[in-house]
Amino acid sequence: MTKPALMIAAAIALAGGLGMSVAASAQSAGLSAALSSGAVGEQADGYMGVAGSVSDTVRKEVESINIKRRQVYTDLAGKRGVTVQDAAAATACQTLSRLKAGQAYRIGAGAWQTKGAAAIALPSYCASAG
C-alpha cells in the first residue's frame, strides 16, 4: 500500500468505516447468520468472501455487497488519487480491526481464520492506518 493510501485509512476511520457500513446496510437474516457462524467473512483486500458453505442467496448477497464496495472504493480512489486496490486495502484495515470474536477473516491468500478475543495481526500496511 502506498503512503497516500494510508492517509485514506484515516479518512475512512473518521467516516465510520465504509466497508462495514456497506456490509451492514441491508443485510438479510441469512447473511447475518453466515457472518456470525464464520461461513462468510472479511478479507484484507476490502471485500467479503465465502469461507464455508452458504446458500446461493447468501452468495449472491455477498457478491452484491462487493459490487457496492467496489463502487465506493473506485469513487474514493478517484478523489484521493490512489488505486482502487489501495482504497480497498485501507478500508480493510479498519474493517478487520472491528471484527467481533467468532467472525471469519482472511489475510492475503492465507487460510480463513476465526477471530478470538485477541486483536488480529493485521497486514504490515495497516500499521499506520490508525
N, C-alpha and C. Protein backbone atom coordinates (compact mmCIF):
# COMPACT_ATOMS: atom_id res chain seq x y z
N MET A 1 0.85 -1.17 0.00
CA MET A 1 0.00 0.00 0.00
C MET A 1 0.90 1.23 0.00
N THR A 2 0.53 2.21 -0.77
CA THR A 2 1.31 3.43 -0.87
C THR A 2 1.03 4.35 0.30
N LYS A 3 1.94 5.29 0.53
CA LYS A 3 1.76 6.23 1.64
C LYS A 3 0.46 7.02 1.52
N PRO A 4 0.10 7.54 0.31
CA PRO A 4 -1.19 8.24 0.22
C PRO A 4 -2.37 7.35 0.60
N ALA A 5 -2.24 6.07 0.33
CA ALA A 5 -3.35 5.17 0.68
C ALA A 5 -3.52 5.06 2.18
N LEU A 6 -2.43 5.17 2.92
CA LEU A 6 -2.54 5.14 4.37
C LEU A 6 -3.32 6.34 4.87
N MET A 7 -3.21 7.46 4.18
CA MET A 7 -3.97 8.64 4.54
C MET A 7 -5.46 8.39 4.33
N ILE A 8 -5.79 7.58 3.35
CA ILE A 8 -7.18 7.22 3.11
C ILE A 8 -7.75 6.49 4.31
N ALA A 9 -6.93 5.63 4.91
CA ALA A 9 -7.40 4.86 6.06
C ALA A 9 -7.86 5.78 7.17
N ALA A 10 -7.13 6.85 7.40
CA ALA A 10 -7.54 7.79 8.43
C ALA A 10 -8.87 8.45 8.07
N ALA A 11 -9.04 8.81 6.81
CA ALA A 11 -10.29 9.42 6.37
C ALA A 11 -11.45 8.44 6.51
N ILE A 12 -11.19 7.19 6.20
CA ILE A 12 -12.21 6.16 6.32
C ILE A 12 -12.59 5.96 7.78
N ALA A 13 -11.59 5.97 8.65
CA ALA A 13 -11.87 5.80 10.07
C ALA A 13 -12.78 6.93 10.57
N LEU A 14 -12.52 8.14 10.11
CA LEU A 14 -13.35 9.27 10.50
C LEU A 14 -14.77 9.13 9.97
N ALA A 15 -14.89 8.50 8.81
CA ALA A 15 -16.21 8.34 8.20
C ALA A 15 -16.96 7.15 8.76
N GLY A 16 -16.34 6.40 9.64
CA GLY A 16 -17.02 5.27 10.27
C GLY A 16 -16.79 3.95 9.59
N GLY A 17 -15.86 3.87 8.66
CA GLY A 17 -15.54 2.61 8.01
C GLY A 17 -16.50 2.29 6.89
N LEU A 18 -16.12 2.62 5.69
CA LEU A 18 -17.00 2.40 4.53
C LEU A 18 -17.37 0.93 4.34
N GLY A 19 -16.40 0.06 4.49
CA GLY A 19 -16.66 -1.36 4.23
C GLY A 19 -17.73 -1.93 5.12
N MET A 20 -17.64 -1.64 6.41
CA MET A 20 -18.62 -2.17 7.33
C MET A 20 -19.99 -1.55 7.11
N SER A 21 -20.04 -0.27 6.76
CA SER A 21 -21.34 0.36 6.56
C SER A 21 -22.02 -0.19 5.32
N VAL A 22 -21.23 -0.49 4.28
CA VAL A 22 -21.82 -1.10 3.09
C VAL A 22 -22.31 -2.50 3.41
N ALA A 23 -21.54 -3.25 4.19
CA ALA A 23 -21.92 -4.62 4.52
C ALA A 23 -23.15 -4.66 5.41
N ALA A 24 -23.26 -3.71 6.30
CA ALA A 24 -24.34 -3.73 7.28
C ALA A 24 -25.61 -3.08 6.77
N SER A 25 -25.55 -2.41 5.63
CA SER A 25 -26.65 -1.57 5.21
C SER A 25 -27.96 -2.30 4.95
N ALA A 26 -27.98 -3.43 4.38
CA ALA A 26 -29.25 -4.10 4.13
C ALA A 26 -29.05 -5.61 4.20
N GLN A 27 -28.55 -6.05 5.32
CA GLN A 27 -28.23 -7.46 5.49
C GLN A 27 -29.47 -8.30 5.70
N SER A 28 -29.51 -9.41 5.01
CA SER A 28 -30.59 -10.36 5.26
C SER A 28 -30.26 -11.17 6.50
N ALA A 29 -31.26 -11.86 7.00
CA ALA A 29 -31.04 -12.73 8.15
C ALA A 29 -30.06 -13.84 7.79
N GLY A 30 -30.12 -14.30 6.54
CA GLY A 30 -29.21 -15.36 6.09
C GLY A 30 -27.76 -14.90 6.09
N LEU A 31 -27.50 -13.67 5.63
CA LEU A 31 -26.14 -13.16 5.63
C LEU A 31 -25.67 -12.90 7.05
N SER A 32 -26.53 -12.35 7.88
CA SER A 32 -26.16 -12.13 9.28
C SER A 32 -25.77 -13.43 9.96
N ALA A 33 -26.54 -14.48 9.71
CA ALA A 33 -26.22 -15.79 10.29
C ALA A 33 -24.91 -16.33 9.74
N ALA A 34 -24.66 -16.13 8.44
CA ALA A 34 -23.42 -16.61 7.82
C ALA A 34 -22.21 -15.86 8.38
N LEU A 35 -22.36 -14.57 8.63
CA LEU A 35 -21.27 -13.79 9.24
C LEU A 35 -21.01 -14.26 10.67
N SER A 36 -22.07 -14.48 11.42
CA SER A 36 -21.94 -14.91 12.82
C SER A 36 -21.33 -16.31 12.93
N SER A 37 -21.66 -17.18 11.99
CA SER A 37 -21.16 -18.55 12.05
C SER A 37 -19.77 -18.71 11.44
N GLY A 38 -19.30 -17.68 10.75
CA GLY A 38 -17.98 -17.76 10.12
C GLY A 38 -18.01 -18.32 8.71
N ALA A 39 -19.20 -18.53 8.15
CA ALA A 39 -19.30 -19.04 6.77
C ALA A 39 -19.01 -17.94 5.76
N VAL A 40 -19.16 -16.68 6.17
CA VAL A 40 -18.82 -15.50 5.37
C VAL A 40 -17.94 -14.63 6.24
N GLY A 41 -16.92 -14.04 5.63
CA GLY A 41 -16.02 -13.21 6.42
C GLY A 41 -15.43 -12.07 5.62
N GLU A 42 -14.59 -11.32 6.30
CA GLU A 42 -13.92 -10.17 5.71
C GLU A 42 -12.51 -10.56 5.25
N GLN A 43 -12.06 -9.91 4.20
CA GLN A 43 -10.74 -10.19 3.65
C GLN A 43 -9.88 -8.92 3.67
N ALA A 44 -8.58 -9.10 3.65
CA ALA A 44 -7.65 -7.98 3.70
C ALA A 44 -7.65 -7.15 2.43
N ASP A 45 -8.34 -7.62 1.40
CA ASP A 45 -8.43 -6.83 0.16
C ASP A 45 -9.62 -5.88 0.17
N GLY A 46 -10.38 -5.86 1.28
CA GLY A 46 -11.51 -4.95 1.39
C GLY A 46 -12.84 -5.53 0.97
N TYR A 47 -12.86 -6.78 0.60
CA TYR A 47 -14.09 -7.41 0.12
C TYR A 47 -14.48 -8.55 1.05
N MET A 48 -15.77 -8.90 1.03
CA MET A 48 -16.25 -10.06 1.77
C MET A 48 -15.93 -11.30 0.97
N GLY A 49 -15.85 -12.41 1.66
CA GLY A 49 -15.60 -13.68 0.99
C GLY A 49 -16.41 -14.78 1.63
N VAL A 50 -16.59 -15.85 0.89
CA VAL A 50 -17.31 -17.01 1.40
C VAL A 50 -16.28 -17.99 1.94
N ALA A 51 -16.36 -18.25 3.23
CA ALA A 51 -15.38 -19.10 3.92
C ALA A 51 -15.90 -20.51 4.15
N GLY A 52 -17.18 -20.72 3.92
CA GLY A 52 -17.78 -22.03 4.17
C GLY A 52 -18.95 -22.25 3.24
N SER A 53 -19.80 -23.15 3.63
CA SER A 53 -20.97 -23.49 2.83
C SER A 53 -22.09 -22.49 3.10
N VAL A 54 -22.59 -21.88 2.01
CA VAL A 54 -23.69 -20.92 2.13
C VAL A 54 -24.68 -21.17 1.00
N SER A 55 -25.88 -20.65 1.17
CA SER A 55 -26.90 -20.77 0.14
C SER A 55 -26.55 -19.88 -1.05
N ASP A 56 -27.18 -20.15 -2.17
CA ASP A 56 -26.99 -19.30 -3.35
C ASP A 56 -27.44 -17.87 -3.06
N THR A 57 -28.47 -17.72 -2.25
CA THR A 57 -28.97 -16.39 -1.90
C THR A 57 -27.91 -15.59 -1.14
N VAL A 58 -27.28 -16.22 -0.17
CA VAL A 58 -26.23 -15.54 0.60
C VAL A 58 -25.04 -15.25 -0.30
N ARG A 59 -24.67 -16.19 -1.14
CA ARG A 59 -23.54 -15.98 -2.06
C ARG A 59 -23.82 -14.77 -2.96
N LYS A 60 -25.02 -14.66 -3.47
CA LYS A 60 -25.39 -13.52 -4.32
C LYS A 60 -25.39 -12.22 -3.53
N GLU A 61 -25.79 -12.27 -2.28
CA GLU A 61 -25.78 -11.08 -1.44
C GLU A 61 -24.34 -10.60 -1.19
N VAL A 62 -23.43 -11.55 -0.96
CA VAL A 62 -22.01 -11.20 -0.79
C VAL A 62 -21.49 -10.55 -2.07
N GLU A 63 -21.84 -11.12 -3.21
CA GLU A 63 -21.41 -10.54 -4.49
C GLU A 63 -21.96 -9.13 -4.68
N SER A 64 -23.21 -8.93 -4.31
CA SER A 64 -23.84 -7.61 -4.43
C SER A 64 -23.15 -6.59 -3.53
N ILE A 65 -22.85 -6.98 -2.31
CA ILE A 65 -22.14 -6.09 -1.38
C ILE A 65 -20.77 -5.75 -1.95
N ASN A 66 -20.09 -6.73 -2.50
CA ASN A 66 -18.76 -6.48 -3.05
C ASN A 66 -18.81 -5.53 -4.25
N ILE A 67 -19.85 -5.62 -5.04
CA ILE A 67 -20.02 -4.69 -6.16
C ILE A 67 -20.21 -3.27 -5.62
N LYS A 68 -21.01 -3.13 -4.58
CA LYS A 68 -21.22 -1.81 -3.97
C LYS A 68 -19.93 -1.28 -3.36
N ARG A 69 -19.18 -2.16 -2.70
CA ARG A 69 -17.90 -1.75 -2.13
C ARG A 69 -16.96 -1.27 -3.23
N ARG A 70 -16.90 -2.02 -4.31
CA ARG A 70 -16.02 -1.63 -5.41
C ARG A 70 -16.38 -0.22 -5.91
N GLN A 71 -17.65 0.08 -6.00
CA GLN A 71 -18.08 1.41 -6.43
C GLN A 71 -17.60 2.48 -5.46
N VAL A 72 -17.73 2.20 -4.16
CA VAL A 72 -17.28 3.15 -3.14
C VAL A 72 -15.76 3.32 -3.22
N TYR A 73 -15.03 2.22 -3.35
CA TYR A 73 -13.57 2.28 -3.42
C TYR A 73 -13.11 3.02 -4.67
N THR A 74 -13.81 2.81 -5.77
CA THR A 74 -13.46 3.50 -7.02
C THR A 74 -13.64 5.00 -6.87
N ASP A 75 -14.74 5.39 -6.26
CA ASP A 75 -15.01 6.81 -6.03
C ASP A 75 -13.95 7.41 -5.10
N LEU A 76 -13.67 6.72 -4.02
CA LEU A 76 -12.68 7.19 -3.05
C LEU A 76 -11.30 7.28 -3.68
N ALA A 77 -10.94 6.29 -4.47
CA ALA A 77 -9.63 6.29 -5.13
C ALA A 77 -9.49 7.48 -6.08
N GLY A 78 -10.55 7.77 -6.82
CA GLY A 78 -10.53 8.91 -7.73
C GLY A 78 -10.36 10.23 -6.99
N LYS A 79 -11.02 10.35 -5.85
CA LYS A 79 -10.92 11.58 -5.06
C LYS A 79 -9.55 11.74 -4.40
N ARG A 80 -8.92 10.62 -4.05
CA ARG A 80 -7.65 10.66 -3.32
C ARG A 80 -6.42 10.46 -4.21
N GLY A 81 -6.64 10.11 -5.47
CA GLY A 81 -5.52 9.91 -6.38
C GLY A 81 -4.70 8.67 -6.08
N VAL A 82 -5.36 7.61 -5.65
CA VAL A 82 -4.69 6.33 -5.39
C VAL A 82 -5.40 5.24 -6.19
N THR A 83 -4.87 4.04 -6.14
CA THR A 83 -5.51 2.94 -6.85
C THR A 83 -6.74 2.45 -6.09
N VAL A 84 -7.63 1.79 -6.81
CA VAL A 84 -8.81 1.19 -6.19
C VAL A 84 -8.36 0.16 -5.16
N GLN A 85 -7.31 -0.60 -5.48
CA GLN A 85 -6.80 -1.62 -4.56
C GLN A 85 -6.31 -0.99 -3.26
N ASP A 86 -5.64 0.16 -3.36
CA ASP A 86 -5.17 0.83 -2.14
C ASP A 86 -6.33 1.35 -1.31
N ALA A 87 -7.34 1.90 -1.95
CA ALA A 87 -8.51 2.38 -1.22
C ALA A 87 -9.21 1.21 -0.52
N ALA A 88 -9.33 0.09 -1.21
CA ALA A 88 -9.98 -1.09 -0.63
C ALA A 88 -9.16 -1.64 0.53
N ALA A 89 -7.85 -1.72 0.37
CA ALA A 89 -6.99 -2.25 1.43
C ALA A 89 -7.01 -1.34 2.65
N ALA A 90 -7.03 -0.04 2.44
CA ALA A 90 -7.09 0.89 3.57
C ALA A 90 -8.38 0.70 4.35
N THR A 91 -9.47 0.49 3.64
CA THR A 91 -10.75 0.24 4.30
C THR A 91 -10.70 -1.09 5.05
N ALA A 92 -10.06 -2.08 4.44
CA ALA A 92 -9.95 -3.40 5.08
C ALA A 92 -9.25 -3.31 6.43
N CYS A 93 -8.24 -2.44 6.54
CA CYS A 93 -7.54 -2.27 7.82
C CYS A 93 -8.54 -1.91 8.91
N GLN A 94 -9.43 -1.00 8.60
CA GLN A 94 -10.44 -0.57 9.58
C GLN A 94 -11.47 -1.67 9.83
N THR A 95 -11.92 -2.31 8.76
CA THR A 95 -12.93 -3.35 8.88
C THR A 95 -12.41 -4.52 9.71
N LEU A 96 -11.19 -4.97 9.41
CA LEU A 96 -10.62 -6.10 10.14
C LEU A 96 -10.40 -5.77 11.61
N SER A 97 -10.06 -4.54 11.90
CA SER A 97 -9.81 -4.16 13.30
C SER A 97 -11.11 -4.10 14.11
N ARG A 98 -12.25 -4.10 13.43
CA ARG A 98 -13.55 -4.01 14.12
C ARG A 98 -14.29 -5.35 14.19
N LEU A 99 -13.68 -6.41 13.71
CA LEU A 99 -14.36 -7.71 13.75
C LEU A 99 -14.64 -8.13 15.19
N LYS A 100 -15.71 -8.85 15.36
CA LYS A 100 -16.08 -9.38 16.67
C LYS A 100 -15.59 -10.83 16.78
N ALA A 101 -15.40 -11.27 17.99
CA ALA A 101 -14.99 -12.65 18.23
C ALA A 101 -15.96 -13.60 17.54
N GLY A 102 -15.41 -14.60 16.89
CA GLY A 102 -16.22 -15.59 16.19
C GLY A 102 -16.39 -15.32 14.71
N GLN A 103 -16.04 -14.11 14.26
CA GLN A 103 -16.19 -13.78 12.84
C GLN A 103 -14.96 -14.27 12.06
N ALA A 104 -15.20 -14.65 10.82
CA ALA A 104 -14.14 -15.17 9.95
C ALA A 104 -13.44 -14.02 9.23
N TYR A 105 -12.14 -14.24 8.96
CA TYR A 105 -11.36 -13.27 8.20
C TYR A 105 -10.22 -14.00 7.49
N ARG A 106 -9.71 -13.34 6.47
CA ARG A 106 -8.57 -13.91 5.72
C ARG A 106 -7.61 -12.78 5.38
N ILE A 107 -6.34 -13.02 5.66
CA ILE A 107 -5.28 -12.08 5.34
C ILE A 107 -4.57 -12.61 4.10
N GLY A 108 -4.56 -11.83 3.03
CA GLY A 108 -3.91 -12.25 1.79
C GLY A 108 -4.54 -13.52 1.25
N ALA A 109 -3.69 -14.40 0.74
CA ALA A 109 -4.16 -15.66 0.19
C ALA A 109 -4.15 -16.76 1.23
N GLY A 110 -3.96 -16.40 2.48
CA GLY A 110 -3.90 -17.37 3.56
C GLY A 110 -5.23 -18.05 3.82
N ALA A 111 -5.20 -18.94 4.77
CA ALA A 111 -6.40 -19.68 5.15
C ALA A 111 -7.36 -18.78 5.92
N TRP A 112 -8.63 -19.13 5.87
CA TRP A 112 -9.63 -18.43 6.67
C TRP A 112 -9.34 -18.70 8.14
N GLN A 113 -9.51 -17.68 8.96
CA GLN A 113 -9.30 -17.80 10.40
C GLN A 113 -10.54 -17.26 11.11
N THR A 114 -10.66 -17.61 12.37
CA THR A 114 -11.75 -17.10 13.19
C THR A 114 -11.17 -16.20 14.26
N LYS A 115 -11.73 -15.01 14.38
CA LYS A 115 -11.23 -14.06 15.37
C LYS A 115 -11.57 -14.56 16.76
N GLY A 116 -10.57 -14.54 17.61
CA GLY A 116 -10.77 -14.87 19.01
C GLY A 116 -10.92 -13.59 19.82
N ALA A 117 -10.58 -13.66 21.09
CA ALA A 117 -10.70 -12.50 21.96
C ALA A 117 -9.60 -11.47 21.71
N ALA A 118 -8.45 -11.93 21.23
CA ALA A 118 -7.31 -11.04 20.98
C ALA A 118 -7.47 -10.29 19.67
N ALA A 119 -6.72 -9.21 19.55
CA ALA A 119 -6.72 -8.44 18.30
C ALA A 119 -6.10 -9.27 17.18
N ILE A 120 -6.52 -8.99 15.97
CA ILE A 120 -5.99 -9.67 14.79
C ILE A 120 -4.64 -9.08 14.43
N ALA A 121 -3.72 -9.93 13.99
CA ALA A 121 -2.44 -9.46 13.46
C ALA A 121 -2.72 -8.95 12.04
N LEU A 122 -2.84 -7.64 11.92
CA LEU A 122 -3.18 -7.03 10.63
C LEU A 122 -1.97 -7.00 9.70
N PRO A 123 -2.22 -6.88 8.40
CA PRO A 123 -1.10 -6.76 7.46
C PRO A 123 -0.23 -5.56 7.81
N SER A 124 1.05 -5.62 7.43
CA SER A 124 2.00 -4.57 7.80
C SER A 124 1.58 -3.19 7.30
N TYR A 125 0.87 -3.12 6.17
CA TYR A 125 0.47 -1.82 5.65
C TYR A 125 -0.61 -1.16 6.50
N CYS A 126 -1.19 -1.89 7.43
CA CYS A 126 -2.19 -1.32 8.33
C CYS A 126 -1.56 -0.63 9.53
N ALA A 127 -0.29 -0.82 9.78
CA ALA A 127 0.36 -0.31 10.99
C ALA A 127 0.12 1.18 11.19
N SER A 128 0.12 1.94 10.13
CA SER A 128 -0.07 3.39 10.25
C SER A 128 -1.49 3.81 9.96
N ALA A 129 -2.38 2.84 9.78
CA ALA A 129 -3.75 3.14 9.37
C ALA A 129 -4.60 3.69 10.49
N GLY A 130 -4.18 3.60 11.70
CA GLY A 130 -4.98 4.18 12.77
C GLY A 130 -5.58 3.15 13.61
